[in-house]
Amino acid sequence: MSPSLTRRAALRGSLAAASLLATPALLHAQGVPRRNASSWVRQDWRDHFDTLGKATLVADTASRTLHYWNADDTDYRAYPTSVPLTDELTKRGYTSIVRKKVGPSWTPTASQMERYPDWKPIGPGPENPLGTHAMYLSWPAYIIHGTHDTRKIGRPSSDGCIGLYNEKIAELFQLCPVGTQVRVI
C-alpha cells in the first residue's frame, strides 16, 4: 500500500513549515536580537534629515550597515560595518564629519586605558586598529574608520566607532567631504 497525501496532511505540513519560517521574526518581535545578515534594513534619508546637505550618512547599529547618499540623491550606497560592543558604548544622535585622515594613528581613549593600562598608541600600518582611513566625527573619540581585522565587520566589536573594510572606507572617504551630516541610530 503506497502512502497517499491527503489535503489535511498537506495543510498540516504547510502550517509546520510556515511556523518554522516565522520563528526568527517572532523572536525578533519579542526583543531577541537577530545575529545574521537578514536583519538588514534599507534606510531613507528623509526619515533622519530635512535635506541631504553636502552628503549624508546614517549608521544603523542594529543592522550593522552604514548608508550613504550624495548631495543630489543620485548615489546611494550601503556598507557592512562593525559596531560598538554594547549599548553603553554606542553614542546615538546627530553629528558630522569634522576631519579626515589617510593613514591615521590610534591612541587609546581614557576609558580604554583604565581597562587596558598596557595599551600604547599605534602609528599608521597593519597593526593600527583604525585601518587605512579615518573620518572623525564632532563627538570626541568617535570615528568612522577602516580595519585590518576583517573578522570585525558585521559584529559588535568596537568601543564606539563604526568600522568598515579598508577598501570600503577608502571609497567612502573620497565621497564624503568634511561637513557630511551623520546620524547614528
N, C-alpha and C. Protein backbone atom coordinates (compact mmCIF):
# COMPACT_ATOMS: atom_id res chain seq x y z
N MET A 1 0.85 -1.17 0.00
CA MET A 1 0.00 0.00 0.00
C MET A 1 0.90 1.23 0.00
N SER A 2 0.69 2.11 -0.96
CA SER A 2 1.53 3.31 -1.06
C SER A 2 0.91 4.43 -0.25
N PRO A 3 1.76 5.23 0.40
CA PRO A 3 1.22 6.34 1.19
C PRO A 3 0.63 7.40 0.26
N SER A 4 -0.50 7.94 0.65
CA SER A 4 -1.10 8.99 -0.16
C SER A 4 -1.15 10.27 0.67
N LEU A 5 -1.06 11.38 -0.03
CA LEU A 5 -1.06 12.68 0.62
C LEU A 5 -2.48 13.24 0.60
N THR A 6 -3.05 13.38 1.77
CA THR A 6 -4.39 13.95 1.84
C THR A 6 -4.29 15.46 1.98
N ARG A 7 -5.37 16.13 1.74
CA ARG A 7 -5.39 17.59 1.91
C ARG A 7 -5.05 17.98 3.34
N ARG A 8 -5.58 17.22 4.28
CA ARG A 8 -5.33 17.51 5.68
C ARG A 8 -3.84 17.37 6.01
N ALA A 9 -3.19 16.32 5.52
CA ALA A 9 -1.76 16.12 5.76
C ALA A 9 -0.94 17.22 5.10
N ALA A 10 -1.34 17.61 3.90
CA ALA A 10 -0.63 18.68 3.20
C ALA A 10 -0.76 19.99 3.96
N LEU A 11 -1.96 20.28 4.48
CA LEU A 11 -2.18 21.50 5.24
C LEU A 11 -1.35 21.51 6.52
N ARG A 12 -1.33 20.36 7.24
CA ARG A 12 -0.51 20.27 8.45
C ARG A 12 0.97 20.51 8.14
N GLY A 13 1.45 19.93 7.07
CA GLY A 13 2.85 20.11 6.67
C GLY A 13 3.14 21.56 6.32
N SER A 14 2.22 22.21 5.63
CA SER A 14 2.40 23.61 5.27
C SER A 14 2.43 24.50 6.50
N LEU A 15 1.53 24.25 7.45
CA LEU A 15 1.49 25.03 8.67
C LEU A 15 2.76 24.83 9.49
N ALA A 16 3.27 23.63 9.55
CA ALA A 16 4.51 23.36 10.29
C ALA A 16 5.68 24.10 9.65
N ALA A 17 5.76 24.06 8.33
CA ALA A 17 6.84 24.76 7.63
C ALA A 17 6.72 26.27 7.83
N ALA A 18 5.51 26.81 7.76
CA ALA A 18 5.31 28.25 7.95
C ALA A 18 5.70 28.67 9.36
N SER A 19 5.39 27.83 10.35
CA SER A 19 5.76 28.20 11.73
C SER A 19 7.27 28.22 11.91
N LEU A 20 7.98 27.31 11.25
CA LEU A 20 9.44 27.32 11.33
C LEU A 20 10.02 28.57 10.67
N LEU A 21 9.44 28.98 9.55
CA LEU A 21 9.92 30.18 8.87
C LEU A 21 9.61 31.43 9.67
N ALA A 22 8.53 31.45 10.40
CA ALA A 22 8.12 32.64 11.16
C ALA A 22 8.88 32.77 12.48
N THR A 23 9.48 31.70 12.95
CA THR A 23 10.13 31.72 14.27
C THR A 23 11.15 32.85 14.42
N PRO A 24 12.09 33.09 13.47
CA PRO A 24 13.03 34.20 13.66
C PRO A 24 12.34 35.55 13.78
N ALA A 25 11.30 35.78 12.99
CA ALA A 25 10.58 37.06 13.07
C ALA A 25 9.88 37.20 14.41
N LEU A 26 9.31 36.13 14.93
CA LEU A 26 8.64 36.19 16.22
C LEU A 26 9.63 36.46 17.34
N LEU A 27 10.80 35.83 17.27
CA LEU A 27 11.81 36.08 18.29
C LEU A 27 12.27 37.53 18.26
N HIS A 28 12.47 38.08 17.05
CA HIS A 28 12.89 39.47 16.92
C HIS A 28 11.82 40.40 17.50
N ALA A 29 10.56 40.10 17.25
CA ALA A 29 9.47 40.92 17.77
C ALA A 29 9.42 40.87 19.30
N GLN A 30 9.91 39.78 19.89
CA GLN A 30 9.91 39.64 21.34
C GLN A 30 11.17 40.22 21.98
N GLY A 31 12.00 40.89 21.18
CA GLY A 31 13.19 41.53 21.73
C GLY A 31 14.44 40.68 21.71
N VAL A 32 14.39 39.50 21.12
CA VAL A 32 15.58 38.67 21.00
C VAL A 32 16.35 39.16 19.78
N PRO A 33 17.59 39.63 19.96
CA PRO A 33 18.33 40.19 18.83
C PRO A 33 18.66 39.13 17.79
N ARG A 34 18.59 39.54 16.53
CA ARG A 34 18.96 38.65 15.44
C ARG A 34 20.43 38.86 15.14
N ARG A 35 21.12 37.82 14.83
CA ARG A 35 22.56 37.88 14.64
C ARG A 35 22.98 37.48 13.22
N ASN A 36 22.14 37.80 12.25
CA ASN A 36 22.53 37.43 10.90
C ASN A 36 22.26 38.58 9.93
N ALA A 37 22.71 38.41 8.70
CA ALA A 37 22.63 39.47 7.70
C ALA A 37 21.19 39.77 7.29
N SER A 38 20.26 38.90 7.57
CA SER A 38 18.89 39.13 7.14
C SER A 38 18.21 40.23 7.95
N SER A 39 18.86 40.78 8.96
CA SER A 39 18.26 41.87 9.72
C SER A 39 18.53 43.22 9.06
N TRP A 40 19.16 43.23 7.89
CA TRP A 40 19.47 44.46 7.17
C TRP A 40 18.18 45.19 6.81
N VAL A 41 18.18 46.50 7.01
CA VAL A 41 17.03 47.34 6.69
C VAL A 41 17.52 48.53 5.88
N ARG A 42 16.93 48.76 4.71
CA ARG A 42 17.28 49.93 3.92
C ARG A 42 16.69 51.16 4.61
N GLN A 43 17.50 52.18 4.74
CA GLN A 43 17.06 53.42 5.35
C GLN A 43 16.69 54.44 4.27
N ASP A 44 15.87 55.41 4.62
CA ASP A 44 15.55 56.53 3.75
C ASP A 44 16.04 57.79 4.46
N TRP A 45 16.87 58.58 3.79
CA TRP A 45 17.46 59.75 4.44
C TRP A 45 16.40 60.71 4.96
N ARG A 46 15.21 60.76 4.33
CA ARG A 46 14.14 61.67 4.73
C ARG A 46 13.60 61.35 6.13
N ASP A 47 13.82 60.14 6.58
CA ASP A 47 13.41 59.76 7.94
C ASP A 47 14.35 60.33 9.00
N HIS A 48 15.48 60.90 8.56
CA HIS A 48 16.51 61.35 9.50
C HIS A 48 16.92 62.81 9.33
N PHE A 49 16.81 63.34 8.11
CA PHE A 49 17.26 64.69 7.82
C PHE A 49 16.24 65.42 6.95
N ASP A 50 16.23 66.76 7.02
CA ASP A 50 15.36 67.56 6.15
C ASP A 50 15.95 67.72 4.76
N THR A 51 17.28 67.79 4.66
CA THR A 51 17.96 67.93 3.37
C THR A 51 19.16 66.99 3.37
N LEU A 52 19.74 66.78 2.20
CA LEU A 52 20.92 65.92 2.10
C LEU A 52 22.22 66.64 2.44
N GLY A 53 22.22 67.96 2.41
CA GLY A 53 23.45 68.69 2.72
C GLY A 53 24.54 68.33 1.73
N LYS A 54 25.79 68.39 2.17
CA LYS A 54 26.94 68.04 1.32
C LYS A 54 26.92 66.56 0.95
N ALA A 55 26.54 65.75 1.90
CA ALA A 55 26.36 64.30 1.77
C ALA A 55 25.75 63.85 3.09
N THR A 56 25.24 62.63 3.12
CA THR A 56 24.55 62.14 4.31
C THR A 56 24.94 60.70 4.60
N LEU A 57 25.19 60.42 5.88
CA LEU A 57 25.45 59.07 6.35
C LEU A 57 24.48 58.73 7.47
N VAL A 58 23.92 57.53 7.43
CA VAL A 58 23.14 57.00 8.54
C VAL A 58 23.77 55.67 8.93
N ALA A 59 24.28 55.61 10.15
CA ALA A 59 24.89 54.39 10.67
C ALA A 59 23.83 53.65 11.49
N ASP A 60 23.36 52.55 10.96
CA ASP A 60 22.33 51.74 11.61
C ASP A 60 23.03 50.64 12.39
N THR A 61 23.13 50.82 13.70
CA THR A 61 23.87 49.86 14.52
C THR A 61 23.11 48.54 14.68
N ALA A 62 21.79 48.56 14.54
CA ALA A 62 21.02 47.32 14.66
C ALA A 62 21.30 46.39 13.48
N SER A 63 21.32 46.93 12.27
CA SER A 63 21.57 46.10 11.10
C SER A 63 23.03 46.11 10.67
N ARG A 64 23.87 46.86 11.41
CA ARG A 64 25.30 46.92 11.15
C ARG A 64 25.60 47.35 9.71
N THR A 65 24.94 48.44 9.34
CA THR A 65 25.06 48.97 7.98
C THR A 65 25.23 50.47 8.03
N LEU A 66 26.13 50.99 7.20
CA LEU A 66 26.31 52.43 7.03
C LEU A 66 25.73 52.80 5.67
N HIS A 67 24.76 53.72 5.68
CA HIS A 67 24.08 54.15 4.46
C HIS A 67 24.63 55.51 4.02
N TYR A 68 24.90 55.66 2.73
CA TYR A 68 25.44 56.90 2.17
C TYR A 68 24.53 57.41 1.05
N TRP A 69 24.30 58.73 1.05
CA TRP A 69 23.62 59.40 -0.06
C TRP A 69 24.46 60.62 -0.43
N ASN A 70 24.60 60.89 -1.74
CA ASN A 70 25.31 62.10 -2.15
C ASN A 70 24.35 63.29 -2.09
N ALA A 71 24.86 64.49 -2.36
CA ALA A 71 24.10 65.73 -2.16
C ALA A 71 22.85 65.84 -3.03
N ASP A 72 22.85 65.24 -4.22
CA ASP A 72 21.67 65.37 -5.08
C ASP A 72 20.85 64.08 -5.16
N ASP A 73 21.11 63.13 -4.27
CA ASP A 73 20.33 61.89 -4.16
C ASP A 73 20.39 61.01 -5.40
N THR A 74 21.50 61.11 -6.15
CA THR A 74 21.66 60.24 -7.33
C THR A 74 22.55 59.04 -7.03
N ASP A 75 23.15 59.01 -5.85
CA ASP A 75 24.04 57.91 -5.48
C ASP A 75 23.70 57.46 -4.07
N TYR A 76 23.27 56.22 -3.96
CA TYR A 76 23.01 55.59 -2.66
C TYR A 76 23.90 54.35 -2.56
N ARG A 77 24.55 54.19 -1.42
CA ARG A 77 25.38 53.01 -1.18
C ARG A 77 25.17 52.54 0.26
N ALA A 78 25.32 51.25 0.46
CA ALA A 78 25.22 50.67 1.80
C ALA A 78 26.46 49.82 2.04
N TYR A 79 27.05 49.99 3.22
CA TYR A 79 28.28 49.30 3.57
C TYR A 79 28.10 48.48 4.84
N PRO A 80 28.59 47.24 4.86
CA PRO A 80 28.56 46.48 6.11
C PRO A 80 29.58 47.07 7.09
N THR A 81 29.24 47.05 8.37
CA THR A 81 30.11 47.68 9.37
C THR A 81 30.29 46.81 10.60
N SER A 82 31.29 47.19 11.39
CA SER A 82 31.35 46.73 12.77
C SER A 82 30.69 47.82 13.60
N VAL A 83 30.21 47.47 14.75
CA VAL A 83 29.50 48.42 15.61
C VAL A 83 30.02 48.27 17.04
N PRO A 84 29.65 49.21 17.93
CA PRO A 84 30.09 49.10 19.32
C PRO A 84 29.65 47.81 19.99
N LEU A 85 30.46 47.36 20.93
CA LEU A 85 30.21 46.11 21.66
C LEU A 85 28.92 46.13 22.47
N THR A 86 28.60 47.28 23.06
CA THR A 86 27.45 47.35 23.95
C THR A 86 26.67 48.64 23.69
N ASP A 87 25.45 48.70 24.20
CA ASP A 87 24.66 49.93 24.12
C ASP A 87 25.33 51.07 24.88
N GLU A 88 26.01 50.74 25.98
CA GLU A 88 26.68 51.77 26.77
C GLU A 88 27.79 52.45 25.98
N LEU A 89 28.40 51.73 25.05
CA LEU A 89 29.47 52.30 24.22
C LEU A 89 28.94 52.97 22.96
N THR A 90 27.65 52.83 22.70
CA THR A 90 27.06 53.35 21.47
C THR A 90 26.48 54.74 21.70
N LYS A 91 27.06 55.73 21.06
CA LYS A 91 26.51 57.07 21.12
C LYS A 91 25.57 57.20 19.93
N ARG A 92 24.35 57.62 20.18
CA ARG A 92 23.37 57.78 19.11
C ARG A 92 22.97 59.24 18.99
N GLY A 93 22.65 59.65 17.78
CA GLY A 93 22.22 61.02 17.56
C GLY A 93 22.82 61.59 16.31
N TYR A 94 22.85 62.93 16.26
CA TYR A 94 23.31 63.65 15.08
C TYR A 94 24.70 64.22 15.30
N THR A 95 25.53 64.12 14.28
CA THR A 95 26.89 64.65 14.32
C THR A 95 27.31 64.95 12.88
N SER A 96 28.57 65.22 12.67
CA SER A 96 29.06 65.45 11.31
C SER A 96 30.54 65.10 11.26
N ILE A 97 31.04 64.95 10.04
CA ILE A 97 32.46 64.69 9.84
C ILE A 97 33.19 66.03 9.95
N VAL A 98 34.15 66.10 10.87
CA VAL A 98 34.88 67.36 11.09
C VAL A 98 36.33 67.29 10.62
N ARG A 99 36.83 66.08 10.38
CA ARG A 99 38.22 65.93 9.95
C ARG A 99 38.38 64.56 9.31
N LYS A 100 39.29 64.48 8.34
CA LYS A 100 39.57 63.21 7.67
C LYS A 100 41.08 63.00 7.63
N LYS A 101 41.48 61.71 7.70
CA LYS A 101 42.91 61.42 7.72
C LYS A 101 43.19 60.10 7.00
N VAL A 102 44.13 60.14 6.05
CA VAL A 102 44.65 58.92 5.44
C VAL A 102 45.82 58.47 6.30
N GLY A 103 45.89 57.19 6.62
CA GLY A 103 46.96 56.68 7.49
C GLY A 103 46.89 57.24 8.89
N PRO A 104 45.76 57.07 9.56
CA PRO A 104 45.62 57.63 10.90
C PRO A 104 46.46 56.89 11.94
N SER A 105 46.78 57.60 13.00
CA SER A 105 47.40 56.99 14.17
C SER A 105 46.29 56.72 15.18
N TRP A 106 46.50 55.72 16.02
CA TRP A 106 45.50 55.36 17.02
C TRP A 106 46.07 55.57 18.41
N THR A 107 45.27 56.19 19.27
CA THR A 107 45.63 56.38 20.67
C THR A 107 44.49 55.85 21.52
N PRO A 108 44.76 55.02 22.51
CA PRO A 108 43.68 54.52 23.37
C PRO A 108 42.97 55.67 24.08
N THR A 109 41.66 55.54 24.23
CA THR A 109 40.89 56.54 24.96
C THR A 109 41.16 56.38 26.46
N ALA A 110 40.71 57.34 27.24
CA ALA A 110 40.90 57.28 28.70
C ALA A 110 40.22 56.04 29.28
N SER A 111 39.01 55.72 28.81
CA SER A 111 38.31 54.54 29.34
C SER A 111 39.03 53.25 28.93
N GLN A 112 39.62 53.21 27.75
CA GLN A 112 40.40 52.03 27.35
C GLN A 112 41.65 51.89 28.21
N MET A 113 42.28 53.00 28.53
CA MET A 113 43.49 52.95 29.36
C MET A 113 43.17 52.46 30.78
N GLU A 114 41.96 52.77 31.27
CA GLU A 114 41.55 52.26 32.58
C GLU A 114 41.43 50.74 32.55
N ARG A 115 40.87 50.21 31.47
CA ARG A 115 40.67 48.77 31.35
C ARG A 115 41.93 48.04 30.90
N TYR A 116 42.73 48.69 30.06
CA TYR A 116 43.92 48.06 29.48
C TYR A 116 45.13 48.99 29.62
N PRO A 117 45.70 49.11 30.81
CA PRO A 117 46.77 50.07 31.06
C PRO A 117 48.04 49.82 30.23
N ASP A 118 48.19 48.62 29.68
CA ASP A 118 49.39 48.33 28.90
C ASP A 118 49.26 48.72 27.42
N TRP A 119 48.09 49.18 27.01
CA TRP A 119 47.91 49.58 25.61
C TRP A 119 48.72 50.84 25.32
N LYS A 120 49.30 50.90 24.16
CA LYS A 120 50.12 52.03 23.73
C LYS A 120 49.59 52.56 22.39
N PRO A 121 49.86 53.83 22.07
CA PRO A 121 49.47 54.37 20.76
C PRO A 121 50.13 53.56 19.63
N ILE A 122 49.44 53.52 18.49
CA ILE A 122 49.93 52.78 17.32
C ILE A 122 49.90 53.72 16.12
N GLY A 123 51.00 53.82 15.42
CA GLY A 123 51.09 54.65 14.22
C GLY A 123 50.44 53.96 13.03
N PRO A 124 50.44 54.62 11.88
CA PRO A 124 49.86 54.01 10.68
C PRO A 124 50.53 52.68 10.36
N GLY A 125 49.74 51.76 9.80
CA GLY A 125 50.30 50.47 9.41
C GLY A 125 49.35 49.33 9.70
N PRO A 126 49.80 48.12 9.42
CA PRO A 126 48.90 46.95 9.51
C PRO A 126 48.46 46.59 10.92
N GLU A 127 49.11 47.10 11.96
CA GLU A 127 48.70 46.82 13.33
C GLU A 127 47.72 47.86 13.86
N ASN A 128 47.48 48.91 13.11
CA ASN A 128 46.63 50.02 13.55
C ASN A 128 45.16 49.63 13.48
N PRO A 129 44.42 49.71 14.58
CA PRO A 129 43.00 49.33 14.56
C PRO A 129 42.12 50.27 13.75
N LEU A 130 42.62 51.45 13.35
CA LEU A 130 41.82 52.38 12.54
C LEU A 130 41.93 52.10 11.05
N GLY A 131 42.74 51.13 10.67
CA GLY A 131 42.87 50.81 9.26
C GLY A 131 43.57 51.90 8.47
N THR A 132 43.17 52.05 7.21
CA THR A 132 43.88 52.94 6.30
C THR A 132 43.34 54.36 6.26
N HIS A 133 42.09 54.57 6.63
CA HIS A 133 41.45 55.89 6.55
C HIS A 133 40.55 56.10 7.77
N ALA A 134 40.43 57.37 8.18
CA ALA A 134 39.55 57.68 9.32
C ALA A 134 38.82 58.99 9.04
N MET A 135 37.54 59.01 9.38
CA MET A 135 36.72 60.22 9.30
C MET A 135 36.23 60.51 10.72
N TYR A 136 36.74 61.60 11.29
CA TYR A 136 36.48 61.94 12.68
C TYR A 136 35.16 62.70 12.79
N LEU A 137 34.35 62.32 13.77
CA LEU A 137 33.06 62.96 14.00
C LEU A 137 33.20 64.09 15.00
N SER A 138 32.17 64.93 15.10
CA SER A 138 32.23 66.05 16.05
C SER A 138 32.18 65.57 17.49
N TRP A 139 31.79 64.33 17.72
CA TRP A 139 31.84 63.76 19.07
C TRP A 139 33.27 63.32 19.34
N PRO A 140 33.86 63.71 20.45
CA PRO A 140 35.23 63.29 20.74
C PRO A 140 35.36 61.77 20.79
N ALA A 141 36.41 61.26 20.17
CA ALA A 141 36.78 59.84 20.18
C ALA A 141 35.84 58.93 19.39
N TYR A 142 34.94 59.49 18.58
CA TYR A 142 34.08 58.68 17.72
C TYR A 142 34.50 58.87 16.28
N ILE A 143 34.77 57.74 15.60
CA ILE A 143 35.37 57.77 14.28
C ILE A 143 34.69 56.73 13.39
N ILE A 144 34.56 57.07 12.11
CA ILE A 144 34.21 56.08 11.08
C ILE A 144 35.55 55.75 10.42
N HIS A 145 35.95 54.49 10.49
CA HIS A 145 37.31 54.13 10.05
C HIS A 145 37.34 52.75 9.43
N GLY A 146 38.49 52.42 8.86
CA GLY A 146 38.71 51.09 8.31
C GLY A 146 39.19 50.14 9.38
N THR A 147 39.43 48.91 8.98
CA THR A 147 40.01 47.92 9.89
C THR A 147 40.79 46.91 9.08
N HIS A 148 41.93 46.49 9.64
CA HIS A 148 42.71 45.42 9.04
C HIS A 148 42.17 44.06 9.47
N ASP A 149 41.38 44.03 10.53
CA ASP A 149 40.82 42.79 11.05
C ASP A 149 39.41 42.61 10.48
N THR A 150 39.33 41.97 9.34
CA THR A 150 38.05 41.84 8.64
C THR A 150 37.03 40.99 9.38
N ARG A 151 37.46 40.25 10.39
CA ARG A 151 36.51 39.45 11.19
C ARG A 151 35.56 40.34 11.98
N LYS A 152 35.93 41.61 12.18
CA LYS A 152 35.11 42.51 12.97
C LYS A 152 33.86 43.00 12.23
N ILE A 153 33.91 43.02 10.90
CA ILE A 153 32.80 43.55 10.12
C ILE A 153 31.58 42.65 10.28
N GLY A 154 30.44 43.28 10.55
CA GLY A 154 29.20 42.52 10.76
C GLY A 154 29.00 42.10 12.20
N ARG A 155 29.87 42.58 13.09
CA ARG A 155 29.81 42.16 14.50
C ARG A 155 29.91 43.36 15.44
N PRO A 156 29.40 43.23 16.63
CA PRO A 156 29.70 44.22 17.67
C PRO A 156 31.14 43.99 18.13
N SER A 157 32.01 44.96 17.88
CA SER A 157 33.42 44.71 18.18
C SER A 157 34.21 45.96 18.54
N SER A 158 33.57 47.13 18.63
CA SER A 158 34.34 48.35 18.87
C SER A 158 33.98 48.98 20.21
N ASP A 159 34.74 49.99 20.56
CA ASP A 159 34.46 50.76 21.78
C ASP A 159 33.63 52.00 21.46
N GLY A 160 32.97 52.03 20.32
CA GLY A 160 32.11 53.15 19.98
C GLY A 160 32.17 53.54 18.52
N CYS A 161 33.23 53.18 17.85
CA CYS A 161 33.42 53.59 16.45
C CYS A 161 32.62 52.70 15.50
N ILE A 162 32.51 53.18 14.27
CA ILE A 162 31.91 52.43 13.17
C ILE A 162 33.05 52.02 12.25
N GLY A 163 33.25 50.73 12.05
CA GLY A 163 34.36 50.22 11.25
C GLY A 163 33.89 49.64 9.93
N LEU A 164 34.70 49.83 8.90
CA LEU A 164 34.41 49.29 7.57
C LEU A 164 35.64 48.56 7.04
N TYR A 165 35.43 47.71 6.02
CA TYR A 165 36.56 47.13 5.32
C TYR A 165 37.42 48.27 4.79
N ASN A 166 38.74 48.09 4.76
CA ASN A 166 39.63 49.15 4.30
C ASN A 166 39.29 49.65 2.90
N GLU A 167 38.96 48.74 1.99
CA GLU A 167 38.64 49.18 0.63
C GLU A 167 37.34 49.98 0.59
N LYS A 168 36.42 49.72 1.51
CA LYS A 168 35.15 50.46 1.54
C LYS A 168 35.32 51.83 2.20
N ILE A 169 36.14 51.92 3.25
CA ILE A 169 36.36 53.23 3.86
C ILE A 169 37.14 54.12 2.89
N ALA A 170 38.04 53.55 2.09
CA ALA A 170 38.77 54.34 1.10
C ALA A 170 37.79 54.92 0.07
N GLU A 171 36.82 54.12 -0.36
CA GLU A 171 35.78 54.58 -1.30
C GLU A 171 34.94 55.68 -0.65
N LEU A 172 34.45 55.43 0.55
CA LEU A 172 33.59 56.38 1.24
C LEU A 172 34.34 57.67 1.57
N PHE A 173 35.61 57.55 1.91
CA PHE A 173 36.46 58.69 2.22
C PHE A 173 36.46 59.69 1.06
N GLN A 174 36.51 59.17 -0.17
CA GLN A 174 36.50 60.03 -1.36
C GLN A 174 35.14 60.68 -1.58
N LEU A 175 34.08 60.04 -1.14
CA LEU A 175 32.72 60.53 -1.37
C LEU A 175 32.25 61.56 -0.35
N CYS A 176 32.79 61.52 0.85
CA CYS A 176 32.28 62.34 1.96
C CYS A 176 33.20 63.51 2.26
N PRO A 177 32.76 64.73 1.97
CA PRO A 177 33.58 65.89 2.36
C PRO A 177 33.42 66.18 3.85
N VAL A 178 34.37 66.93 4.39
CA VAL A 178 34.19 67.46 5.75
C VAL A 178 32.88 68.23 5.75
N GLY A 179 32.09 68.06 6.78
CA GLY A 179 30.77 68.68 6.84
C GLY A 179 29.64 67.72 6.51
N THR A 180 29.97 66.49 6.08
CA THR A 180 28.93 65.50 5.82
C THR A 180 28.15 65.26 7.10
N GLN A 181 26.82 65.29 6.99
CA GLN A 181 25.98 65.07 8.17
C GLN A 181 25.87 63.57 8.44
N VAL A 182 25.84 63.23 9.72
CA VAL A 182 25.84 61.83 10.15
C VAL A 182 24.80 61.64 11.24
N ARG A 183 24.08 60.55 11.15
CA ARG A 183 23.20 60.15 12.25
C ARG A 183 23.53 58.71 12.59
N VAL A 184 23.69 58.43 13.87
CA VAL A 184 23.89 57.08 14.37
C VAL A 184 22.60 56.67 15.07
N ILE A 185 22.03 55.55 14.59
CA ILE A 185 20.77 55.05 15.18
C ILE A 185 20.99 53.66 15.75
